[in-house]
């Protein structure tokens, strides 16, 4: 495998890793938006729970209805909090994958840079050798 072919292959790999990082970043943004919705919904439901103050002198049926409503709402809040915890655990997994992908991309980018520099050095050496050969030919012709 020639060094130029290696550089081209590494460039392709860096591009692929970059796309993976972009995809995971977009996925994290979507999950952050879902988490924000979870928090907003929880805040609204907890506000509804706090707002249902039972006042004396209410009919018993209304008081029981409010108590049942509040109990159902508290149950829904607990389920929502559990779903949020699972979602945040999933976000942590995605964040670790994003970090790993970014690190792989960075390492490949550094290797690509090194290989490109190596190719440029080799090209410079070949060019210098060619110039030296031409100068030697001119010198020998001048001696004759």
Foldseek 3Di string as FASTA:
>chain_A
DDLVVVLVVLVVVLVVLVVVLVVLVVVLVVLVVVLVVLVVVLVVLVVVLVPLDDDPPDDPVVVVVSVVVSVVSVVVSVVSVVVSVVSVVVSVVSVVVSVVSVVVSVVSVVVSVVSVVVVVVVVVVVVVVVVVVVVVVVVVVVVD
